[in-house]
Amino acid sequence: MSINNTVALLKEMVAKQEAEQAAAKEIARQLEEEITPEVIEQAE
């Protein structure tokens, strides 16, 4: 495998990880909006 192929592969892997991280942050943000004190109270 050439250096160029290796670099391209690494860039692809980094881009995928960044996309997954962005998705995880969005899920966390949505959960923070949904989990209100009232919801916690109902769960207890």
N, C-alpha and C. Protein backbone atom coordinates (compact mmCIF):
# COMPACT_ATOMS: atom_id res chain seq x y z
N MET A 1 0.86 -1.19 0.00
CA MET A 1 0.00 0.00 0.00
C MET A 1 0.89 1.24 0.00
N SER A 2 0.57 2.17 -0.83
CA SER A 2 1.39 3.38 -0.89
C SER A 2 1.07 4.32 0.27
N ILE A 3 1.97 5.25 0.48
CA ILE A 3 1.75 6.26 1.52
C ILE A 3 0.45 7.02 1.26
N ASN A 4 0.20 7.37 0.00
CA ASN A 4 -1.02 8.11 -0.33
C ASN A 4 -2.27 7.33 0.05
N ASN A 5 -2.25 6.02 -0.22
CA ASN A 5 -3.40 5.19 0.14
C ASN A 5 -3.56 5.15 1.66
N THR A 6 -2.45 5.04 2.36
CA THR A 6 -2.49 4.99 3.82
C THR A 6 -3.06 6.29 4.38
N VAL A 7 -2.59 7.40 3.86
CA VAL A 7 -3.08 8.71 4.31
C VAL A 7 -4.57 8.85 4.02
N ALA A 8 -4.99 8.44 2.84
CA ALA A 8 -6.41 8.53 2.49
C ALA A 8 -7.25 7.67 3.43
N LEU A 9 -6.75 6.49 3.74
CA LEU A 9 -7.47 5.59 4.65
C LEU A 9 -7.57 6.20 6.04
N LEU A 10 -6.48 6.77 6.52
CA LEU A 10 -6.49 7.41 7.84
C LEU A 10 -7.46 8.59 7.88
N LYS A 11 -7.46 9.39 6.82
CA LYS A 11 -8.39 10.53 6.75
C LYS A 11 -9.83 10.05 6.78
N GLU A 12 -10.10 8.96 6.09
CA GLU A 12 -11.45 8.38 6.07
C GLU A 12 -11.85 7.90 7.47
N MET A 13 -10.92 7.25 8.15
CA MET A 13 -11.20 6.75 9.50
C MET A 13 -11.47 7.91 10.46
N VAL A 14 -10.67 8.97 10.36
CA VAL A 14 -10.86 10.14 11.22
C VAL A 14 -12.21 10.79 10.94
N ALA A 15 -12.56 10.93 9.67
CA ALA A 15 -13.84 11.53 9.30
C ALA A 15 -15.00 10.71 9.86
N LYS A 16 -14.88 9.39 9.79
CA LYS A 16 -15.93 8.52 10.32
C LYS A 16 -16.06 8.69 11.83
N GLN A 17 -14.92 8.74 12.52
CA GLN A 17 -14.96 8.92 13.97
C GLN A 17 -15.57 10.26 14.34
N GLU A 18 -15.23 11.31 13.58
CA GLU A 18 -15.78 12.63 13.85
C GLU A 18 -17.29 12.64 13.65
N ALA A 19 -17.77 11.95 12.63
CA ALA A 19 -19.21 11.87 12.37
C ALA A 19 -19.91 11.12 13.50
N GLU A 20 -19.29 10.02 13.96
CA GLU A 20 -19.88 9.25 15.06
C GLU A 20 -19.91 10.08 16.34
N GLN A 21 -18.85 10.84 16.57
CA GLN A 21 -18.80 11.68 17.76
C GLN A 21 -19.87 12.77 17.71
N ALA A 22 -20.07 13.36 16.54
CA ALA A 22 -21.10 14.39 16.38
C ALA A 22 -22.48 13.79 16.63
N ALA A 23 -22.71 12.58 16.14
CA ALA A 23 -23.99 11.91 16.35
C ALA A 23 -24.20 11.62 17.84
N ALA A 24 -23.16 11.17 18.51
CA ALA A 24 -23.26 10.88 19.94
C ALA A 24 -23.55 12.15 20.73
N LYS A 25 -22.92 13.25 20.36
CA LYS A 25 -23.18 14.52 21.05
C LYS A 25 -24.62 14.97 20.85
N GLU A 26 -25.15 14.76 19.65
CA GLU A 26 -26.54 15.14 19.36
C GLU A 26 -27.50 14.28 20.19
N ILE A 27 -27.23 12.99 20.29
CA ILE A 27 -28.07 12.10 21.11
C ILE A 27 -28.03 12.56 22.57
N ALA A 28 -26.84 12.88 23.06
CA ALA A 28 -26.70 13.34 24.45
C ALA A 28 -27.48 14.63 24.67
N ARG A 29 -27.42 15.54 23.70
CA ARG A 29 -28.14 16.81 23.81
C ARG A 29 -29.65 16.56 23.88
N GLN A 30 -30.14 15.65 23.04
CA GLN A 30 -31.57 15.33 23.04
C GLN A 30 -31.99 14.70 24.35
N LEU A 31 -31.16 13.81 24.88
CA LEU A 31 -31.48 13.18 26.16
C LEU A 31 -31.52 14.22 27.28
N GLU A 32 -30.60 15.15 27.26
CA GLU A 32 -30.59 16.20 28.28
C GLU A 32 -31.89 17.01 28.24
N GLU A 33 -32.41 17.24 27.05
CA GLU A 33 -33.67 17.98 26.91
C GLU A 33 -34.84 17.15 27.44
N GLU A 34 -34.80 15.85 27.21
CA GLU A 34 -35.92 14.98 27.58
C GLU A 34 -35.93 14.62 29.06
N ILE A 35 -34.75 14.53 29.67
CA ILE A 35 -34.68 14.11 31.07
C ILE A 35 -34.78 15.35 31.96
N THR A 36 -35.99 15.70 32.27
CA THR A 36 -36.27 16.86 33.12
C THR A 36 -36.42 16.38 34.56
N PRO A 37 -36.40 17.30 35.52
CA PRO A 37 -36.62 16.89 36.92
C PRO A 37 -37.93 16.13 37.11
N GLU A 38 -38.97 16.50 36.33
CA GLU A 38 -40.25 15.81 36.44
C GLU A 38 -40.12 14.35 36.02
N VAL A 39 -39.37 14.11 34.95
CA VAL A 39 -39.18 12.74 34.47
C VAL A 39 -38.43 11.93 35.52
N ILE A 40 -37.43 12.51 36.13
CA ILE A 40 -36.66 11.81 37.17
C ILE A 40 -37.57 11.50 38.35
N GLU A 41 -38.41 12.46 38.72
CA GLU A 41 -39.34 12.27 39.84
C GLU A 41 -40.30 11.11 39.56
N GLN A 42 -40.81 11.04 38.35
CA GLN A 42 -41.74 9.97 37.98
C GLN A 42 -41.05 8.61 38.02
N ALA A 43 -39.77 8.57 37.72
CA ALA A 43 -39.05 7.31 37.67
C ALA A 43 -38.77 6.75 39.06
N GLU A 44 -38.77 7.61 40.06
CA GLU A 44 -38.42 7.16 41.42
C GLU A 44 -39.54 6.42 42.11
